[in-house]
N, C-alpha and C. Protein backbone atom coordinates (compact mmCIF):
# COMPACT_ATOMS: atom_id res chain seq x y z
N MET A 1 -31.96 2.11 -18.14
CA MET A 1 -32.77 1.39 -18.17
C MET A 1 -33.01 1.74 -20.09
N SER A 2 -33.63 0.92 -20.64
CA SER A 2 -33.31 0.08 -22.03
C SER A 2 -34.45 1.91 -22.97
N GLU A 3 -33.92 1.77 -23.97
CA GLU A 3 -35.10 2.85 -24.97
C GLU A 3 -35.62 1.95 -25.91
N THR A 4 -37.14 2.25 -25.71
CA THR A 4 -37.97 1.19 -26.56
C THR A 4 -38.93 2.41 -27.71
N SER A 5 -39.13 1.90 -28.87
CA SER A 5 -39.70 2.83 -29.59
C SER A 5 -40.96 2.96 -29.53
N PRO A 6 -42.51 3.90 -29.21
CA PRO A 6 -43.36 3.36 -29.07
C PRO A 6 -43.71 2.43 -29.67
N SER A 7 -43.76 2.20 -30.97
CA SER A 7 -44.34 1.34 -31.72
C SER A 7 -44.14 -0.52 -31.23
N SER A 8 -42.92 -0.51 -30.93
CA SER A 8 -42.91 -1.73 -30.42
C SER A 8 -42.65 -1.86 -28.32
N ASN A 9 -43.10 -0.89 -27.74
CA ASN A 9 -43.44 -1.59 -26.42
C ASN A 9 -44.30 -1.58 -25.97
N SER A 10 -45.05 -2.30 -26.69
CA SER A 10 -45.96 -3.08 -25.94
C SER A 10 -45.52 -4.89 -26.35
N ALA A 11 -45.41 -5.00 -27.55
CA ALA A 11 -44.45 -6.11 -27.75
C ALA A 11 -43.41 -6.71 -26.86
N ASP A 12 -42.71 -5.44 -26.60
CA ASP A 12 -41.25 -5.69 -25.70
C ASP A 12 -41.69 -6.23 -24.49
N ASN A 13 -43.22 -5.73 -23.64
CA ASN A 13 -43.50 -5.74 -22.37
C ASN A 13 -43.90 -7.20 -22.44
N ASP A 14 -44.44 -7.91 -23.25
CA ASP A 14 -44.87 -9.43 -23.53
C ASP A 14 -44.11 -9.72 -23.09
N ALA A 15 -42.41 -9.90 -24.19
CA ALA A 15 -41.39 -10.83 -23.92
C ALA A 15 -40.16 -10.49 -23.02
N THR A 16 -40.23 -9.27 -22.16
CA THR A 16 -39.18 -8.66 -20.98
C THR A 16 -39.49 -8.46 -19.98
N ARG A 17 -39.12 -8.59 -19.09
CA ARG A 17 -39.78 -7.87 -17.61
C ARG A 17 -38.61 -6.93 -17.34
N GLU A 18 -38.51 -6.00 -16.37
CA GLU A 18 -37.59 -5.81 -15.78
C GLU A 18 -37.64 -5.68 -14.09
N PHE A 19 -36.68 -6.03 -12.89
CA PHE A 19 -36.56 -6.90 -12.11
C PHE A 19 -35.21 -6.08 -11.17
N LEU A 20 -36.30 -5.36 -9.97
CA LEU A 20 -34.56 -5.38 -8.73
C LEU A 20 -34.39 -6.34 -8.28
N THR A 21 -33.23 -6.44 -8.83
CA THR A 21 -31.90 -7.54 -8.00
C THR A 21 -31.00 -6.80 -6.41
N PHE A 22 -31.26 -7.90 -5.50
CA PHE A 22 -30.69 -7.26 -4.70
C PHE A 22 -30.18 -8.97 -3.71
N THR A 23 -29.92 -8.96 -2.59
CA THR A 23 -28.48 -9.65 -2.27
C THR A 23 -28.96 -9.66 -0.12
N LEU A 24 -29.04 -11.47 -0.49
CA LEU A 24 -29.77 -11.84 1.01
C LEU A 24 -28.43 -12.67 0.90
N GLY A 25 -27.78 -12.58 1.85
CA GLY A 25 -26.48 -12.77 2.10
C GLY A 25 -25.72 -13.57 1.22
N THR A 26 -25.59 -14.69 0.71
CA THR A 26 -24.74 -14.89 -0.73
C THR A 26 -26.05 -15.39 -2.20
N GLU A 27 -27.15 -15.08 -1.80
CA GLU A 27 -27.61 -15.36 -3.08
C GLU A 27 -28.75 -13.81 -3.47
N GLU A 28 -28.67 -13.85 -4.58
CA GLU A 28 -29.32 -12.50 -5.32
C GLU A 28 -30.57 -13.33 -5.76
N TYR A 29 -31.90 -12.20 -5.68
CA TYR A 29 -33.10 -12.54 -5.50
C TYR A 29 -33.38 -11.53 -6.58
N GLY A 30 -35.09 -11.12 -7.27
CA GLY A 30 -35.38 -9.64 -7.94
C GLY A 30 -37.26 -10.07 -7.63
N ILE A 31 -37.08 -8.64 -7.30
CA ILE A 31 -38.47 -8.34 -7.50
C ILE A 31 -39.57 -7.41 -8.78
N ASP A 32 -40.19 -7.31 -9.19
CA ASP A 32 -40.58 -6.66 -10.24
C ASP A 32 -40.31 -5.12 -9.61
N ILE A 33 -39.71 -4.39 -10.91
CA ILE A 33 -39.35 -3.19 -10.82
C ILE A 33 -40.59 -2.37 -10.25
N LEU A 34 -42.21 -2.62 -10.93
CA LEU A 34 -43.01 -1.64 -10.76
C LEU A 34 -43.23 -1.88 -9.25
N LYS A 35 -42.97 -2.88 -8.67
CA LYS A 35 -43.10 -2.04 -7.28
C LYS A 35 -42.56 -1.94 -6.16
N VAL A 36 -41.52 -1.58 -6.72
CA VAL A 36 -40.86 -0.62 -5.57
C VAL A 36 -41.14 0.83 -6.78
N GLN A 37 -40.88 1.75 -4.96
CA GLN A 37 -41.66 2.84 -4.92
C GLN A 37 -39.92 4.38 -4.71
N GLU A 38 -39.24 3.59 -3.75
CA GLU A 38 -37.69 3.95 -3.59
C GLU A 38 -36.99 2.78 -2.06
N ILE A 39 -35.33 3.73 -3.51
CA ILE A 39 -34.04 2.50 -2.18
C ILE A 39 -34.11 3.87 -0.98
N ARG A 40 -33.39 3.33 0.49
CA ARG A 40 -33.60 4.60 0.60
C ARG A 40 -32.16 3.69 1.90
N GLY A 41 -31.47 4.17 2.51
CA GLY A 41 -30.31 3.56 3.82
C GLY A 41 -31.39 3.53 4.63
N TYR A 42 -30.74 2.19 5.84
CA TYR A 42 -31.33 1.71 6.66
C TYR A 42 -30.97 2.65 7.68
N ASP A 43 -32.10 3.44 8.52
CA ASP A 43 -32.24 3.58 10.03
C ASP A 43 -32.67 2.86 10.86
N ALA A 44 -32.70 3.91 11.54
CA ALA A 44 -33.26 3.07 12.83
C ALA A 44 -35.12 3.47 12.85
N VAL A 45 -35.71 2.19 13.44
CA VAL A 45 -36.51 2.11 13.20
C VAL A 45 -37.48 1.89 14.59
N THR A 46 -38.87 2.10 14.48
CA THR A 46 -39.23 2.00 16.07
C THR A 46 -40.10 0.96 16.16
N HIS A 47 -39.60 0.21 17.20
CA HIS A 47 -40.15 -1.43 17.21
C HIS A 47 -41.55 -1.25 18.02
N ILE A 48 -42.24 -2.70 17.17
CA ILE A 48 -43.61 -2.25 17.85
C ILE A 48 -43.88 -3.98 18.91
N ALA A 49 -44.12 -3.50 19.83
CA ALA A 49 -44.18 -4.60 20.51
C ALA A 49 -45.27 -5.70 20.44
N ASN A 50 -44.82 -7.56 20.59
CA ASN A 50 -45.77 -8.58 19.50
C ASN A 50 -45.47 -8.65 18.20
N THR A 51 -44.92 -8.33 17.80
CA THR A 51 -44.73 -8.47 15.82
C THR A 51 -44.06 -9.18 15.66
N PRO A 52 -43.85 -10.16 15.21
CA PRO A 52 -43.13 -11.55 14.53
C PRO A 52 -41.35 -10.38 14.44
N GLU A 53 -40.97 -11.57 14.80
CA GLU A 53 -39.24 -10.85 14.91
C GLU A 53 -39.15 -9.91 13.82
N PHE A 54 -39.34 -11.41 11.99
CA PHE A 54 -39.05 -10.29 11.02
C PHE A 54 -39.45 -8.92 11.13
N ILE A 55 -40.67 -8.56 11.72
CA ILE A 55 -40.76 -7.32 11.87
C ILE A 55 -40.59 -6.53 12.07
N LYS A 56 -39.39 -5.82 11.90
CA LYS A 56 -38.53 -5.11 12.72
C LYS A 56 -39.10 -3.41 13.13
N GLY A 57 -40.17 -3.29 12.76
CA GLY A 57 -40.81 -2.18 13.02
C GLY A 57 -40.82 -1.31 11.83
N VAL A 58 -41.79 0.28 12.68
CA VAL A 58 -42.01 1.22 11.89
C VAL A 58 -41.19 2.46 11.47
N ILE A 59 -41.35 3.13 10.20
CA ILE A 59 -41.05 4.24 9.88
C ILE A 59 -42.14 5.46 9.72
N ASN A 60 -41.90 6.63 9.95
CA ASN A 60 -42.69 7.45 9.44
C ASN A 60 -41.67 8.61 7.86
N LEU A 61 -42.11 7.72 6.50
CA LEU A 61 -42.15 8.16 5.56
C LEU A 61 -42.78 8.94 5.41
N ARG A 62 -42.69 10.95 5.18
CA ARG A 62 -43.20 11.31 4.88
C ARG A 62 -44.68 11.46 5.57
N GLY A 63 -44.73 11.13 6.42
CA GLY A 63 -46.17 11.26 6.79
C GLY A 63 -47.02 9.90 6.70
N VAL A 64 -46.35 8.95 5.62
CA VAL A 64 -46.94 7.47 6.36
C VAL A 64 -46.57 6.80 6.97
N ILE A 65 -47.21 6.24 7.46
CA ILE A 65 -46.18 4.77 9.34
C ILE A 65 -46.19 3.47 7.75
N VAL A 66 -45.00 3.57 7.77
CA VAL A 66 -44.58 2.32 6.57
C VAL A 66 -43.41 1.29 7.50
N PRO A 67 -44.50 -0.02 8.03
CA PRO A 67 -43.88 -1.38 8.51
C PRO A 67 -42.55 -1.89 8.02
N ILE A 68 -41.81 -2.34 8.71
CA ILE A 68 -40.60 -2.42 7.96
C ILE A 68 -39.69 -4.13 8.60
N VAL A 69 -39.75 -4.89 6.83
CA VAL A 69 -40.00 -6.53 7.64
C VAL A 69 -37.96 -6.29 6.75
N ASP A 70 -37.90 -7.58 7.84
CA ASP A 70 -36.50 -8.52 7.26
C ASP A 70 -36.52 -9.44 6.42
N LEU A 71 -35.85 -9.80 5.40
CA LEU A 71 -36.35 -10.78 4.14
C LEU A 71 -35.17 -11.67 5.29
N ARG A 72 -34.22 -11.39 5.47
CA ARG A 72 -33.23 -12.05 5.86
C ARG A 72 -33.92 -12.87 6.83
N ILE A 73 -33.94 -12.34 8.21
CA ILE A 73 -34.88 -13.01 8.81
C ILE A 73 -36.37 -14.07 8.34
N LYS A 74 -37.12 -13.10 7.51
CA LYS A 74 -37.98 -14.15 7.05
C LYS A 74 -37.91 -15.19 6.39
N PHE A 75 -37.01 -15.39 5.74
CA PHE A 75 -36.33 -16.28 5.32
C PHE A 75 -35.07 -17.52 5.91
N ASN A 76 -34.49 -16.89 7.74
CA ASN A 76 -34.42 -18.04 7.64
C ASN A 76 -32.71 -18.20 7.55
N LEU A 77 -32.20 -16.56 6.73
CA LEU A 77 -30.92 -16.87 6.29
C LEU A 77 -29.82 -16.50 7.24
N GLY A 78 -30.26 -16.55 8.68
CA GLY A 78 -29.18 -16.60 9.57
C GLY A 78 -28.91 -15.05 10.41
N THR A 79 -28.33 -14.90 10.78
CA THR A 79 -28.35 -13.63 11.53
C THR A 79 -28.84 -11.99 10.91
N ALA A 80 -29.67 -11.13 11.05
CA ALA A 80 -29.07 -9.90 9.92
C ALA A 80 -28.42 -8.98 10.89
N GLY A 81 -27.57 -9.03 10.08
CA GLY A 81 -26.49 -8.06 10.11
C GLY A 81 -26.61 -6.52 9.34
N TYR A 82 -26.19 -5.12 10.32
CA TYR A 82 -26.80 -4.15 9.76
C TYR A 82 -26.03 -3.24 9.66
N ASN A 83 -24.71 -2.68 8.13
CA ASN A 83 -24.23 -2.09 7.79
C ASN A 83 -24.47 -0.82 7.18
N PRO A 84 -23.46 -0.29 5.98
CA PRO A 84 -23.79 0.99 5.38
C PRO A 84 -24.08 0.51 4.14
N PHE A 85 -23.93 -0.53 4.33
CA PHE A 85 -24.69 -1.48 2.39
C PHE A 85 -25.81 -1.53 2.72
N THR A 86 -26.74 -1.98 3.86
CA THR A 86 -28.29 -2.52 4.51
C THR A 86 -29.05 -1.35 3.73
N VAL A 87 -30.09 -1.67 3.23
CA VAL A 87 -31.02 -0.85 2.17
C VAL A 87 -32.40 -1.32 2.72
N VAL A 88 -32.85 -0.60 2.52
CA VAL A 88 -34.37 -0.60 2.45
C VAL A 88 -35.03 0.09 0.98
N ILE A 89 -35.96 -1.43 0.86
CA ILE A 89 -36.55 -1.31 -0.77
C ILE A 89 -37.72 -0.75 -0.40
N ILE A 90 -38.80 0.29 -0.33
CA ILE A 90 -39.78 1.13 -0.09
C ILE A 90 -40.95 0.33 -0.87
N LEU A 91 -41.91 -0.15 -1.27
CA LEU A 91 -42.43 -1.27 -1.95
C LEU A 91 -43.90 -0.25 -1.73
N ASN A 92 -44.77 -0.90 -2.97
CA ASN A 92 -46.38 -0.07 -2.71
C ASN A 92 -47.05 -1.89 -3.76
N VAL A 93 -47.40 -2.29 -2.39
CA VAL A 93 -47.86 -3.57 -2.89
C VAL A 93 -49.35 -3.42 -2.34
N ALA A 94 -50.39 -3.70 -2.83
CA ALA A 94 -51.61 -3.71 -2.47
C ALA A 94 -52.06 -3.22 -1.66
N GLY A 95 -52.01 -1.77 -2.48
CA GLY A 95 -52.28 -0.51 -2.22
C GLY A 95 -51.94 0.24 -0.74
N ARG A 96 -50.56 -0.77 -0.69
CA ARG A 96 -50.23 -0.42 1.18
C ARG A 96 -48.69 0.11 0.66
N VAL A 97 -48.19 0.67 1.54
CA VAL A 97 -46.56 0.85 1.83
C VAL A 97 -45.97 0.53 2.29
N ILE A 98 -44.73 -0.38 2.29
CA ILE A 98 -44.21 -1.21 2.99
C ILE A 98 -42.66 -1.35 2.29
N GLY A 99 -41.63 -2.03 3.46
CA GLY A 99 -40.54 -1.50 3.54
C GLY A 99 -40.17 -3.10 3.46
N ILE A 100 -38.54 -3.40 2.85
CA ILE A 100 -38.43 -4.70 2.96
C ILE A 100 -36.82 -4.65 3.59
N VAL A 101 -36.19 -5.26 3.91
CA VAL A 101 -34.31 -4.84 4.76
C VAL A 101 -33.99 -5.96 3.40
N VAL A 102 -32.75 -5.25 3.25
CA VAL A 102 -32.13 -6.27 2.17
C VAL A 102 -30.90 -6.04 2.82
N ASP A 103 -29.54 -7.06 2.28
CA ASP A 103 -27.90 -6.98 2.37
C ASP A 103 -27.48 -5.64 1.46
N GLY A 104 -27.99 -5.57 0.22
CA GLY A 104 -27.91 -4.61 -0.58
C GLY A 104 -28.64 -4.43 -2.24
N VAL A 105 -28.30 -3.49 -2.52
CA VAL A 105 -29.31 -3.86 -4.29
C VAL A 105 -28.29 -3.69 -5.46
N SER A 106 -28.87 -4.67 -6.07
CA SER A 106 -27.67 -4.59 -7.33
C SER A 106 -27.58 -3.68 -8.41
N ASP A 107 -28.46 -4.31 -9.08
CA ASP A 107 -29.44 -2.83 -10.39
C ASP A 107 -30.23 -4.00 -10.62
N VAL A 108 -30.96 -3.09 -11.74
CA VAL A 108 -32.14 -3.47 -12.49
C VAL A 108 -31.71 -4.12 -13.65
N THR A 109 -32.37 -5.87 -13.44
CA THR A 109 -31.89 -6.20 -14.82
C THR A 109 -32.65 -7.00 -15.37
N ILE A 110 -33.00 -6.88 -16.48
CA ILE A 110 -34.06 -7.23 -17.98
C ILE A 110 -33.81 -8.77 -18.06
N LEU A 111 -34.97 -9.43 -17.99
CA LEU A 111 -35.12 -10.72 -18.21
C LEU A 111 -36.18 -11.01 -19.73
N ASP A 112 -36.20 -11.99 -20.37
CA ASP A 112 -36.91 -12.25 -21.64
C ASP A 112 -37.37 -13.64 -20.49
N SER A 113 -38.48 -14.17 -21.63
CA SER A 113 -39.21 -14.86 -20.76
C SER A 113 -38.55 -16.56 -21.22
N ALA A 114 -37.37 -16.84 -21.92
CA ALA A 114 -36.00 -17.60 -22.13
C ALA A 114 -35.68 -17.52 -20.96
N GLN A 115 -35.31 -16.48 -20.49
CA GLN A 115 -34.58 -16.40 -19.04
C GLN A 115 -35.10 -16.95 -18.03
N ILE A 116 -36.50 -17.41 -17.65
CA ILE A 116 -36.90 -17.03 -16.82
C ILE A 116 -37.55 -18.58 -16.80
N LYS A 117 -37.27 -19.73 -15.54
CA LYS A 117 -37.78 -21.34 -15.29
C LYS A 117 -38.22 -21.56 -14.26
N PRO A 118 -39.48 -22.28 -14.08
CA PRO A 118 -40.66 -22.08 -13.36
C PRO A 118 -40.00 -22.66 -12.10
N PRO A 119 -40.91 -22.41 -10.76
CA PRO A 119 -39.27 -22.48 -9.52
C PRO A 119 -39.66 -24.44 -10.02
N PRO A 120 -38.87 -24.82 -9.06
CA PRO A 120 -38.55 -26.44 -8.61
C PRO A 120 -39.46 -26.31 -7.79
N GLU A 121 -39.93 -28.00 -7.95
CA GLU A 121 -41.08 -28.68 -7.49
C GLU A 121 -40.31 -29.29 -6.30
N LEU A 122 -40.55 -28.93 -5.10
CA LEU A 122 -40.33 -28.89 -3.63
C LEU A 122 -41.10 -29.88 -2.78
N ALA A 123 -40.37 -30.64 -1.83
CA ALA A 123 -41.96 -30.83 -1.22
C ALA A 123 -42.88 -30.28 -0.69
N SER A 124 -44.47 -30.69 -0.45
CA SER A 124 -45.56 -29.70 -0.14
C SER A 124 -45.36 -28.87 1.21
N THR A 125 -44.24 -29.38 2.14
CA THR A 125 -43.76 -28.81 3.64
C THR A 125 -43.29 -27.56 3.16
N LEU A 126 -42.50 -26.88 2.35
CA LEU A 126 -42.25 -25.68 2.30
C LEU A 126 -43.06 -25.09 0.99
N ASP A 127 -42.73 -23.69 1.26
CA ASP A 127 -43.81 -22.88 1.44
C ASP A 127 -42.93 -22.28 0.21
N THR A 128 -43.46 -22.26 -1.03
CA THR A 128 -42.51 -22.19 -2.10
C THR A 128 -43.77 -20.87 -3.25
N HIS A 129 -44.93 -20.83 -2.13
CA HIS A 129 -45.64 -20.24 -3.37
C HIS A 129 -45.01 -18.88 -3.90
N PHE A 130 -44.16 -18.11 -3.37
CA PHE A 130 -44.44 -17.05 -3.24
C PHE A 130 -42.71 -16.78 -4.66
N ILE A 131 -42.16 -18.01 -5.10
CA ILE A 131 -41.37 -17.73 -5.78
C ILE A 131 -42.04 -17.91 -7.18
N GLN A 132 -41.61 -16.96 -8.18
CA GLN A 132 -41.66 -17.12 -9.41
C GLN A 132 -41.91 -17.94 -10.31
N GLY A 133 -40.24 -18.04 -10.05
CA GLY A 133 -39.10 -18.65 -10.77
C GLY A 133 -37.67 -18.04 -11.11
N LEU A 134 -36.80 -18.57 -11.81
CA LEU A 134 -35.03 -18.42 -11.52
C LEU A 134 -34.83 -17.89 -12.61
N GLY A 135 -34.52 -17.03 -12.47
CA GLY A 135 -34.14 -15.95 -13.83
C GLY A 135 -32.74 -16.53 -14.07
N THR A 136 -32.25 -16.71 -15.37
CA THR A 136 -30.12 -16.84 -15.18
C THR A 136 -30.35 -15.47 -16.76
N LYS A 137 -29.07 -14.97 -15.33
CA LYS A 137 -28.53 -14.33 -16.50
C LYS A 137 -26.92 -13.94 -16.62
N ASP A 138 -25.82 -13.91 -17.63
CA ASP A 138 -24.71 -14.28 -17.55
C ASP A 138 -24.27 -15.89 -16.39
N ASP A 139 -23.73 -15.13 -16.16
CA ASP A 139 -23.17 -16.62 -15.04
C ASP A 139 -24.08 -16.27 -13.58
N ARG A 140 -25.34 -15.44 -12.98
CA ARG A 140 -26.19 -15.67 -12.54
C ARG A 140 -27.49 -16.09 -12.09
N MET A 141 -27.58 -16.64 -10.92
CA MET A 141 -28.95 -17.64 -11.08
C MET A 141 -29.89 -16.72 -10.27
N ILE A 142 -31.22 -16.29 -10.35
CA ILE A 142 -31.81 -14.88 -9.69
C ILE A 142 -32.53 -15.35 -9.29
N ILE A 143 -32.99 -16.04 -8.36
CA ILE A 143 -34.53 -16.01 -7.07
C ILE A 143 -36.21 -14.76 -7.52
N LEU A 144 -36.23 -15.14 -8.22
CA LEU A 144 -37.70 -14.03 -8.39
C LEU A 144 -38.94 -14.53 -7.56
N ILE A 145 -38.64 -13.44 -6.76
CA ILE A 145 -40.14 -13.30 -6.01
C ILE A 145 -41.65 -12.55 -6.19
N ASP A 146 -42.17 -13.38 -6.02
CA ASP A 146 -43.52 -12.59 -6.00
C ASP A 146 -43.98 -11.96 -4.66
N ILE A 147 -43.63 -11.08 -4.76
CA ILE A 147 -43.49 -9.84 -3.47
C ILE A 147 -44.84 -9.95 -3.16
N GLU A 148 -45.66 -9.41 -3.71
CA GLU A 148 -47.09 -9.27 -3.19
C GLU A 148 -47.87 -10.06 -2.86
N ALA A 149 -47.15 -11.49 -3.34
CA ALA A 149 -48.19 -12.68 -2.73
C ALA A 149 -47.21 -12.94 -1.35
N LEU A 150 -45.92 -12.62 -1.33
CA LEU A 150 -45.21 -12.71 -0.04
C LEU A 150 -45.78 -12.00 0.89
N LEU A 151 -46.04 -10.58 0.29
CA LEU A 151 -46.10 -9.57 1.73
C LEU A 151 -47.59 -9.82 2.19
N THR A 152 -48.54 -10.24 0.90
CA THR A 152 -49.85 -10.43 1.37
C THR A 152 -50.40 -12.19 2.18
N SER A 153 -49.47 -12.61 2.20
CA SER A 153 -49.93 -13.61 2.72
C SER A 153 -50.26 -13.97 4.19
N PRO A 154 -51.06 -14.34 4.53
CA PRO A 154 -51.50 -14.01 6.44
C PRO A 154 -50.25 -14.40 7.08
N ALA A 155 -49.75 -15.11 7.16
CA ALA A 155 -47.81 -15.92 7.64
C ALA A 155 -47.51 -14.40 7.85
N MET A 156 -47.71 -13.46 7.09
CA MET A 156 -46.78 -12.05 7.18
C MET A 156 -47.13 -10.95 8.21
N GLU A 157 -48.63 -11.35 8.49
CA GLU A 157 -49.43 -10.44 8.99
C GLU A 157 -49.34 -9.26 9.23
N LEU A 158 -49.20 -8.46 7.85
CA LEU A 158 -49.08 -7.22 7.64
C LEU A 158 -50.40 -6.53 6.54
N ILE A 159 -51.43 -7.32 6.41
CA ILE A 159 -52.15 -7.04 5.47
C ILE A 159 -53.55 -7.62 5.79
N ASP A 160 -54.63 -7.01 6.11
CA ASP A 160 -56.11 -8.24 6.27
C ASP A 160 -56.37 -9.00 5.30
N ALA A 161 -56.94 -9.70 5.80
CA ALA A 161 -57.79 -10.49 4.49
C ALA A 161 -58.78 -9.77 3.99
């Protein structure tokens, strides 16, 4: 984390944002660090009947039942493989605790507004409303996800409208 003096803190918040970056397959994604509650290794989940394939099941996290979503399956990125590097990012979204399974967590990346480009305009048949933009840092391209828009969308079937 970077150090900032109290007087420059509010100005810095307008110009820079922190993202937790993670990998799914060969791509790197980023989500707002403020939505992240914790990061844990992937453990067995309790499967729930008649849920979409991308909802792996639920876990009991210190007395809270947390649904677990596999983003690789949700984004149609091929077969999800689980290994010692597979992690679950526990998020606090819209007052709910939800876990997302990713291939691995990279780091916390700070991007300023000049490093964030708007998402590409693709055919209207593609659902890209949850992509905030594309971040560039060094030689990396990071797909920035509006994780709250994604997880609260009706297609996810996680949060009642």
